[in-house]
Amino acid sequence: MRRLAVCLGLVLFALPAAAGDKRYPEAKSGGGELKYVNGIPVAVLAGSPEEIGKQFGELVLKPAKGPLVGRVDSYMAKVGWGDQFPGMVKFAGRLFTMFPEPNQKEMLTAAKTADVDVRLLSALNLIPDLAKLGGCSTLIVEPARSSTAGPLFGRNLDWPPHENLPEFTLVVVYKPTGKHAVAAVTFPVILGVLSGMNDAGLCLTINEITASKDGSKKQDPFGVPVMYLYRKILEECTTLDEAEKMLKAHKRTTYFCLTACDAKGGCVFEVTPDNVVRRSGENAVCCCTNHFRTDELSVTKKCSRYPKLEAVQKADGKLGVGEVYKALDTVKQGPATVQAMVFEPATRSLHLSYGSDSKSATEKPLSKVELSDIFRRK
């Protein structure tokens, strides 16, 4: 198990890059390519699951294998998982078959290509299913309140920032054969989706939840892992209604909120293994943090961040990307806000910032990534 922990350290964390260095080198692999767009690393992967897995291994996972032999113990201790994580790795090996078959092939190929233990990748890709790591805040602005005439979707990802993890942020664009292209704002060991948008403008993000009133069990090991259910929805759906149908059609592993927006507007799906409850916004704005709010599922509505987003909801006037980003800054959680982003579903645009181990992502300027051209297939 010590060898596994060391290997994880190699995968997750590299030493800080020297000034001017790029953490991911620009390169090509088969039909895939990694390049920079306004300072943001963007890996475009295309083809079969095996082809995508090899491209991910070469372009994304290998550059993340830096010389940090041992920082994983420090990271897990800071997170509070020092004793828990080895068991998660072992359990993840048993749950590997719960990943959709194409994703199993991707992960196996990526692990082999980068010489990384597949059990470690499995465990990292099961974090939302096995334990609760993050916070997160989301804010959707409907077209009626948007100064752009299209919906806006703001999102903070709050995770422990230790060991320079935020600086490994990148956008991975998946172009699987016969499916929708999907852009995921992610980290180099995740092949699922925490935050993403597809070529139809459908956007999804996760908000972790710890309590529900419906009495359902907190974990169902026979469900589809959350980040891969999200990716499946983005690869096969184009609207909120289609996303809701797919959510209900598959077993879910745990409690979570799926904040979603398509080219017309958005909502929050409050999800447990037993129920999916749709919640719309008020005054053309929809907010979400880390608790259920519907009568069916809510245990408490107390949250220090939610009233700050609710103030935007209750106010009058139009909101643009800048105003949404300012609202995200009011609910930042210091350096734990590792990523901040605003999606424009109608134009397939992404505005993204990532933080550091000492600074919130919202304290840095956004960089714009136009995804519409990247989504196009050659």
Protein backbone atom coordinates (compact mmCIF):
# COMPACT_ATOMS: atom_id res chain seq x y z
CA MET A 1 0.00 0.00 0.00
CA ARG A 2 2.96 2.30 0.65
CA ARG A 3 3.95 1.87 -2.99
CA LEU A 4 0.44 2.87 -4.03
CA ALA A 5 0.62 6.00 -1.90
CA VAL A 6 3.95 6.93 -3.42
CA CYS A 7 2.57 6.35 -6.91
CA LEU A 8 -0.38 8.61 -6.16
CA GLY A 9 2.02 11.30 -5.11
CA LEU A 10 3.71 11.06 -8.46
CA VAL A 11 0.40 11.28 -10.28
CA LEU A 12 -1.25 14.14 -8.44
CA PHE A 13 1.43 16.61 -7.57
CA ALA A 14 4.46 18.01 -9.31
CA LEU A 15 6.89 20.60 -8.02
CA PRO A 16 5.90 24.20 -8.78
CA ALA A 17 6.83 25.13 -12.31
CA ALA A 18 9.52 27.70 -12.83
CA ALA A 19 8.41 31.13 -13.97
CA GLY A 20 7.28 31.03 -17.56
CA ASP A 21 7.14 27.23 -17.70
CA LYS A 22 4.04 25.42 -18.92
CA ARG A 23 2.95 22.60 -16.65
CA TYR A 24 1.61 20.67 -19.64
CA PRO A 25 3.81 20.76 -22.75
CA GLU A 26 2.10 21.47 -26.05
CA ALA A 27 2.12 18.19 -27.93
CA LYS A 28 0.17 15.81 -30.15
CA SER A 29 -0.72 12.17 -29.66
CA GLY A 30 -2.60 10.30 -32.36
CA GLY A 31 -5.73 12.32 -33.06
CA GLY A 32 -5.30 14.33 -29.86
CA GLU A 33 -3.51 17.59 -29.12
CA LEU A 34 -2.73 19.76 -26.10
CA LYS A 35 -2.43 23.48 -26.69
CA TYR A 36 -2.89 26.73 -24.78
CA VAL A 37 -5.81 29.10 -25.26
CA ASN A 38 -5.37 32.45 -23.51
CA GLY A 39 -3.04 30.77 -21.03
CA ILE A 40 -5.36 27.83 -20.31
CA PRO A 41 -4.14 24.32 -21.21
CA VAL A 42 -6.71 22.62 -23.43
CA ALA A 43 -6.36 18.95 -24.35
CA VAL A 44 -8.52 17.81 -27.28
CA LEU A 45 -8.94 14.03 -27.39
CA ALA A 46 -10.78 12.14 -30.12
CA GLY A 47 -11.69 8.66 -31.28
CA SER A 48 -12.43 5.32 -29.66
CA PRO A 49 -12.16 4.78 -25.89
CA GLU A 50 -8.73 3.21 -26.33
CA GLU A 51 -7.57 6.12 -28.52
CA ILE A 52 -8.88 8.70 -26.05
CA GLY A 53 -7.29 6.81 -23.17
CA LYS A 54 -3.89 6.75 -24.86
CA GLN A 55 -4.11 10.46 -25.71
CA PHE A 56 -5.10 11.28 -22.13
CA GLY A 57 -2.19 9.21 -20.81
CA GLU A 58 0.34 10.86 -23.11
CA LEU A 59 -0.86 14.48 -23.06
CA VAL A 60 -2.41 14.88 -19.60
CA LEU A 61 -1.41 12.16 -17.15
CA LYS A 62 2.30 11.80 -17.97
CA PRO A 63 3.10 15.50 -17.47
CA ALA A 64 1.45 15.31 -14.05
CA LYS A 65 3.86 12.59 -12.89
CA GLY A 66 6.36 14.88 -11.24
CA PRO A 67 9.08 14.00 -8.70
CA LEU A 68 6.97 14.43 -5.56
CA VAL A 69 7.57 11.09 -3.88
CA GLY A 70 5.81 11.39 -0.54
CA ARG A 71 3.67 14.52 -0.65
CA VAL A 72 0.59 12.37 -0.98
CA ASP A 73 0.83 11.47 2.71
CA SER A 74 0.96 15.14 3.62
CA TYR A 75 -1.96 15.93 1.33
CA MET A 76 -4.16 13.16 2.66
CA ALA A 77 -3.28 14.08 6.25
CA LYS A 78 -4.30 17.70 5.58
CA VAL A 79 -7.55 16.56 4.00
CA GLY A 80 -8.14 14.24 6.96
CA TRP A 81 -7.95 11.06 4.89
CA GLY A 82 -4.57 9.79 6.05
CA ASP A 83 -6.06 6.58 7.44
CA GLN A 84 -9.07 6.39 5.12
CA PHE A 85 -7.54 6.61 1.66
CA PRO A 86 -5.76 3.21 1.50
CA GLY A 87 -9.13 1.56 2.12
CA MET A 88 -10.68 3.73 -0.59
CA VAL A 89 -8.03 2.54 -3.06
CA LYS A 90 -8.73 -1.09 -2.19
CA PHE A 91 -12.50 -0.62 -2.42
CA ALA A 92 -12.18 1.30 -5.70
CA GLY A 93 -10.56 -1.75 -7.29
CA ARG A 94 -13.74 -3.69 -6.58
CA LEU A 95 -15.94 -0.92 -7.98
CA PHE A 96 -14.06 -0.58 -11.27
CA THR A 97 -16.75 -2.53 -13.13
CA MET A 98 -19.34 0.12 -12.16
CA PHE A 99 -17.74 2.61 -14.54
CA PRO A 100 -19.42 2.60 -17.98
CA GLU A 101 -17.58 0.16 -20.24
CA PRO A 102 -16.11 2.83 -22.58
CA ASN A 103 -14.70 4.66 -19.55
CA GLN A 104 -13.19 1.45 -18.22
CA LYS A 105 -11.33 1.06 -21.50
CA GLU A 106 -10.20 4.70 -21.39
CA MET A 107 -8.93 4.40 -17.84
CA LEU A 108 -7.10 1.12 -18.40
CA THR A 109 -5.39 2.51 -21.49
CA ALA A 110 -4.51 5.84 -19.81
CA ALA A 111 -3.07 4.03 -16.80
CA LYS A 112 -0.98 1.71 -18.97
CA THR A 113 0.22 4.57 -21.17
CA ALA A 114 1.35 6.70 -18.23
CA ASP A 115 2.43 3.72 -16.08
CA VAL A 116 0.02 4.57 -13.26
CA ASP A 117 -1.80 2.02 -11.08
CA VAL A 118 -5.38 1.81 -12.34
CA ARG A 119 -6.65 1.32 -8.79
CA LEU A 120 -5.38 4.79 -7.92
CA LEU A 121 -7.11 6.32 -10.91
CA SER A 122 -10.28 4.48 -9.95
CA ALA A 123 -10.14 5.81 -6.39
CA LEU A 124 -9.57 9.39 -7.53
CA ASN A 125 -12.42 9.14 -9.99
CA LEU A 126 -14.72 7.81 -7.26
CA ILE A 127 -14.07 10.54 -4.69
CA PRO A 128 -17.59 12.08 -4.87
CA ASP A 129 -19.07 8.60 -4.47
CA LEU A 130 -16.94 7.38 -1.56
CA ALA A 131 -16.45 10.54 0.51
CA LYS A 132 -17.23 14.26 0.56
CA LEU A 133 -14.25 16.43 -0.35
CA GLY A 134 -15.53 19.80 -1.55
CA GLY A 135 -17.95 22.66 -1.11
CA CYS A 136 -18.91 24.57 -4.30
CA SER A 137 -21.34 27.32 -5.24
CA THR A 138 -23.33 27.81 -8.44
CA LEU A 139 -25.39 30.64 -9.91
CA ILE A 140 -27.50 30.48 -13.07
CA VAL A 141 -28.85 33.64 -14.71
CA GLU A 142 -31.76 33.13 -17.09
CA PRO A 143 -31.91 35.08 -20.39
CA ALA A 144 -34.47 37.50 -18.91
CA ARG A 145 -31.86 38.75 -16.42
CA SER A 146 -28.80 38.38 -18.64
CA SER A 147 -27.22 41.35 -20.39
CA THR A 148 -25.97 38.94 -23.08
CA ALA A 149 -29.54 37.79 -23.94
CA GLY A 150 -28.36 34.22 -23.26
CA PRO A 151 -28.11 32.31 -19.99
CA LEU A 152 -25.01 32.57 -17.80
CA PHE A 153 -23.79 29.81 -15.50
CA GLY A 154 -21.29 30.70 -12.77
CA ARG A 155 -19.53 28.08 -10.68
CA ASN A 156 -16.90 27.89 -7.91
CA LEU A 157 -15.22 24.53 -7.33
CA ASP A 158 -14.06 24.32 -3.72
CA TRP A 159 -11.56 21.56 -2.97
CA PRO A 160 -8.51 21.38 -0.66
CA PRO A 161 -5.78 23.32 -2.52
CA HIS A 162 -2.75 21.62 -0.98
CA GLU A 163 0.38 20.72 -2.94
CA ASN A 164 -0.35 23.13 -5.81
CA LEU A 165 -3.37 21.15 -7.00
CA PRO A 166 -5.19 24.23 -8.44
CA GLU A 167 -2.29 24.90 -10.78
CA PHE A 168 -2.90 21.55 -12.48
CA THR A 169 -6.27 22.81 -13.77
CA LEU A 170 -6.90 22.20 -17.46
CA VAL A 171 -9.75 21.82 -19.92
CA VAL A 172 -10.12 18.39 -21.52
CA VAL A 173 -12.32 18.22 -24.62
CA TYR A 174 -13.55 14.70 -25.35
CA LYS A 175 -14.73 13.88 -28.87
CA PRO A 176 -15.86 10.27 -28.61
CA THR A 177 -16.91 8.64 -31.85
CA GLY A 178 -20.67 8.91 -32.40
CA LYS A 179 -21.35 11.11 -29.34
CA HIS A 180 -21.48 14.79 -28.40
CA ALA A 181 -18.18 16.57 -27.81
CA VAL A 182 -17.71 17.47 -24.13
CA ALA A 183 -15.42 20.04 -22.47
CA ALA A 184 -14.52 19.25 -18.84
CA VAL A 185 -12.82 21.71 -16.48
CA THR A 186 -10.77 19.20 -14.58
CA PHE A 187 -7.54 17.87 -13.07
CA PRO A 188 -5.09 15.46 -14.72
CA VAL A 189 -6.26 12.28 -12.96
CA ILE A 190 -9.99 12.69 -13.63
CA LEU A 191 -11.57 11.30 -16.79
CA GLY A 192 -15.11 12.07 -15.68
CA VAL A 193 -16.81 15.47 -15.33
CA LEU A 194 -16.93 17.75 -12.29
CA SER A 195 -17.80 20.82 -14.37
CA GLY A 196 -18.50 20.69 -18.09
CA MET A 197 -20.33 21.75 -21.22
CA ASN A 198 -21.13 19.90 -24.44
CA ASP A 199 -21.36 21.02 -28.06
CA ALA A 200 -25.12 21.66 -27.69
CA GLY A 201 -24.50 24.09 -24.82
CA LEU A 202 -25.71 21.78 -22.05
CA CYS A 203 -23.68 22.46 -18.88
CA LEU A 204 -23.48 20.42 -15.67
CA THR A 205 -21.65 20.82 -12.36
CA ILE A 206 -21.66 18.92 -9.08
CA ASN A 207 -22.44 20.25 -5.60
CA GLU A 208 -21.75 17.70 -2.87
CA ILE A 209 -24.48 17.07 -0.28
CA THR A 210 -24.21 15.31 3.09
CA ALA A 211 -27.81 15.04 4.37
CA SER A 212 -31.28 14.27 2.99
CA LYS A 213 -34.79 13.98 4.42
CA ASP A 214 -35.91 11.15 2.16
CA GLY A 215 -34.29 8.41 4.21
CA SER A 216 -32.32 6.95 1.30
CA LYS A 217 -28.96 5.35 1.98
CA LYS A 218 -25.98 7.65 1.59
CA GLN A 219 -24.11 5.29 -0.71
CA ASP A 220 -25.16 2.76 -3.32
CA PRO A 221 -22.07 0.95 -4.63
CA PHE A 222 -24.05 -0.43 -7.55
CA GLY A 223 -24.83 2.99 -9.02
CA VAL A 224 -23.04 4.75 -11.88
CA PRO A 225 -20.15 6.81 -10.44
CA VAL A 226 -21.21 10.46 -10.32
CA MET A 227 -18.56 12.01 -12.55
CA TYR A 228 -19.20 9.36 -15.20
CA LEU A 229 -22.95 9.76 -15.03
CA TYR A 230 -22.32 13.46 -15.68
CA ARG A 231 -20.09 12.69 -18.62
CA LYS A 232 -22.63 10.22 -20.03
CA ILE A 233 -25.35 12.87 -19.80
CA LEU A 234 -23.19 15.40 -21.62
CA GLU A 235 -22.21 12.90 -24.31
CA GLU A 236 -25.80 11.83 -25.00
CA CYS A 237 -28.15 14.70 -24.02
CA THR A 238 -28.80 18.24 -25.25
CA THR A 239 -31.51 19.65 -22.93
CA LEU A 240 -32.48 19.81 -19.27
CA ASP A 241 -35.41 17.47 -19.87
CA GLU A 242 -33.17 14.87 -21.48
CA ALA A 243 -30.67 15.21 -18.61
CA GLU A 244 -33.45 14.69 -16.07
CA LYS A 245 -34.68 11.59 -17.91
CA MET A 246 -31.20 10.06 -17.93
CA LEU A 247 -30.64 10.90 -14.25
CA LYS A 248 -33.82 9.06 -13.33
CA ALA A 249 -33.04 6.11 -15.59
CA HIS A 250 -29.73 5.25 -13.90
CA LYS A 251 -28.83 4.13 -10.40
CA ARG A 252 -27.20 6.95 -8.42
CA THR A 253 -24.40 6.30 -5.94
CA THR A 254 -24.89 9.07 -3.38
CA TYR A 255 -26.40 12.48 -2.53
CA PHE A 256 -25.55 15.41 -4.81
CA CYS A 257 -26.97 18.46 -6.54
CA LEU A 258 -26.58 18.63 -10.29
CA THR A 259 -26.75 22.26 -11.32
CA ALA A 260 -27.61 22.30 -15.02
CA CYS A 261 -28.10 24.83 -17.79
CA ASP A 262 -28.82 24.52 -21.48
CA ALA A 263 -29.01 27.18 -24.19
CA LYS A 264 -32.40 28.35 -22.86
CA GLY A 265 -31.94 28.35 -19.07
CA GLY A 266 -31.19 26.27 -16.02
CA CYS A 267 -32.23 24.51 -12.82
CA VAL A 268 -30.93 22.37 -9.97
CA PHE A 269 -31.56 18.64 -9.74
CA GLU A 270 -31.47 17.49 -6.12
CA VAL A 271 -30.44 13.84 -6.22
CA THR A 272 -30.27 10.86 -3.85
CA PRO A 273 -30.13 7.14 -4.66
CA ASP A 274 -33.93 7.13 -4.26
CA ASN A 275 -35.07 10.46 -5.71
CA VAL A 276 -34.46 13.17 -8.29
CA VAL A 277 -36.23 16.47 -7.53
CA ARG A 278 -36.04 19.42 -9.92
CA ARG A 279 -35.75 22.93 -8.47
CA SER A 280 -36.16 26.05 -10.59
CA GLY A 281 -34.93 29.53 -9.76
CA GLU A 282 -36.72 32.69 -8.70
CA ASN A 283 -36.65 36.07 -10.40
CA ALA A 284 -34.78 34.43 -13.30
CA VAL A 285 -31.85 33.36 -11.09
CA CYS A 286 -31.11 29.92 -9.63
CA CYS A 287 -28.60 29.35 -6.79
CA CYS A 288 -27.04 26.29 -5.17
CA THR A 289 -24.47 25.55 -2.47
CA ASN A 290 -24.21 22.32 -0.45
CA HIS A 291 -27.60 21.47 0.93
CA PHE A 292 -30.94 20.42 -0.49
CA ARG A 293 -33.68 23.07 -0.45
CA THR A 294 -36.77 21.28 -1.77
CA ASP A 295 -39.48 20.22 0.68
CA GLU A 296 -38.96 16.59 -0.29
CA LEU A 297 -35.26 16.48 0.58
CA SER A 298 -34.22 19.50 2.65
CA VAL A 299 -32.92 18.92 6.18
CA THR A 300 -31.71 22.49 6.75
CA LYS A 301 -31.45 25.67 4.73
CA LYS A 302 -28.74 27.25 6.89
CA CYS A 303 -25.70 28.23 4.84
CA SER A 304 -23.35 31.20 5.11
CA ARG A 305 -22.91 31.40 1.33
CA TYR A 306 -26.42 30.91 0.03
CA PRO A 307 -27.83 34.29 1.24
CA LYS A 308 -25.05 36.08 -0.67
CA LEU A 309 -26.13 34.41 -3.91
CA GLU A 310 -29.77 34.90 -2.98
CA ALA A 311 -29.12 38.65 -2.78
CA VAL A 312 -28.28 38.57 -6.49
CA GLN A 313 -31.45 36.59 -7.11
CA LYS A 314 -33.63 39.13 -5.28
CA ALA A 315 -32.05 42.20 -6.86
CA ASP A 316 -33.21 43.86 -10.06
CA GLY A 317 -31.25 44.60 -13.20
CA LYS A 318 -29.31 42.74 -15.83
CA LEU A 319 -26.24 40.63 -15.13
CA GLY A 320 -23.25 39.96 -17.35
CA VAL A 321 -20.19 37.75 -17.03
CA GLY A 322 -18.50 40.34 -14.82
CA GLU A 323 -21.43 40.57 -12.42
CA VAL A 324 -21.71 36.79 -12.15
CA TYR A 325 -17.99 36.55 -11.43
CA LYS A 326 -18.30 39.26 -8.78
CA ALA A 327 -21.10 37.24 -7.14
CA LEU A 328 -18.85 34.16 -7.14
CA ASP A 329 -16.18 36.20 -5.37
CA THR A 330 -18.59 36.97 -2.52
CA VAL A 331 -18.87 33.24 -1.76
CA LYS A 332 -15.22 32.29 -2.22
CA GLN A 333 -13.68 30.08 0.45
CA GLY A 334 -10.15 31.41 0.32
CA PRO A 335 -7.58 29.19 -1.41
CA ALA A 336 -10.09 26.31 -1.26
CA THR A 337 -11.87 27.96 -4.19
CA VAL A 338 -9.54 26.23 -6.62
CA GLN A 339 -11.50 26.97 -9.81
CA ALA A 340 -14.01 29.63 -10.82
CA MET A 341 -15.81 29.71 -14.13
CA VAL A 342 -18.67 31.23 -16.09
CA PHE A 343 -20.26 29.26 -18.93
CA GLU A 344 -22.17 30.91 -21.78
CA PRO A 345 -24.22 27.99 -23.15
CA ALA A 346 -25.71 29.88 -26.10
CA THR A 347 -22.30 30.75 -27.56
CA ARG A 348 -20.38 27.72 -26.19
CA SER A 349 -17.97 30.06 -24.37
CA LEU A 350 -16.06 29.38 -21.15
CA HIS A 351 -14.49 31.97 -18.85
CA LEU A 352 -12.08 30.30 -16.41
CA SER A 353 -9.72 31.09 -13.57
CA TYR A 354 -7.84 28.81 -11.20
CA GLY A 355 -6.24 29.64 -7.88
CA SER A 356 -3.13 28.59 -5.98
CA ASP A 357 -2.34 27.20 -2.55
CA SER A 358 -2.58 30.76 -1.19
CA LYS A 359 -5.12 32.55 -3.40
CA SER A 360 -8.75 32.02 -4.41
CA ALA A 361 -9.46 31.54 -8.10
CA THR A 362 -11.86 34.51 -7.95
CA GLU A 363 -8.96 36.83 -7.08
CA LYS A 364 -7.49 36.29 -10.53
CA PRO A 365 -8.82 37.48 -13.90
CA LEU A 366 -10.89 35.15 -16.07
CA SER A 367 -9.47 33.75 -19.30
CA LYS A 368 -11.87 33.13 -22.17
CA VAL A 369 -11.90 29.86 -24.07
CA GLU A 370 -14.14 29.80 -27.14
CA LEU A 371 -15.24 26.19 -27.34
CA SER A 372 -17.49 26.37 -30.40
CA ASP A 373 -14.58 26.00 -32.85
CA ILE A 374 -12.84 23.40 -30.68
CA PHE A 375 -16.00 21.30 -30.59
CA ARG A 376 -16.15 21.08 -34.39
CA ARG A 377 -14.97 17.78 -35.78
CA LYS A 378 -12.43 17.78 -38.58
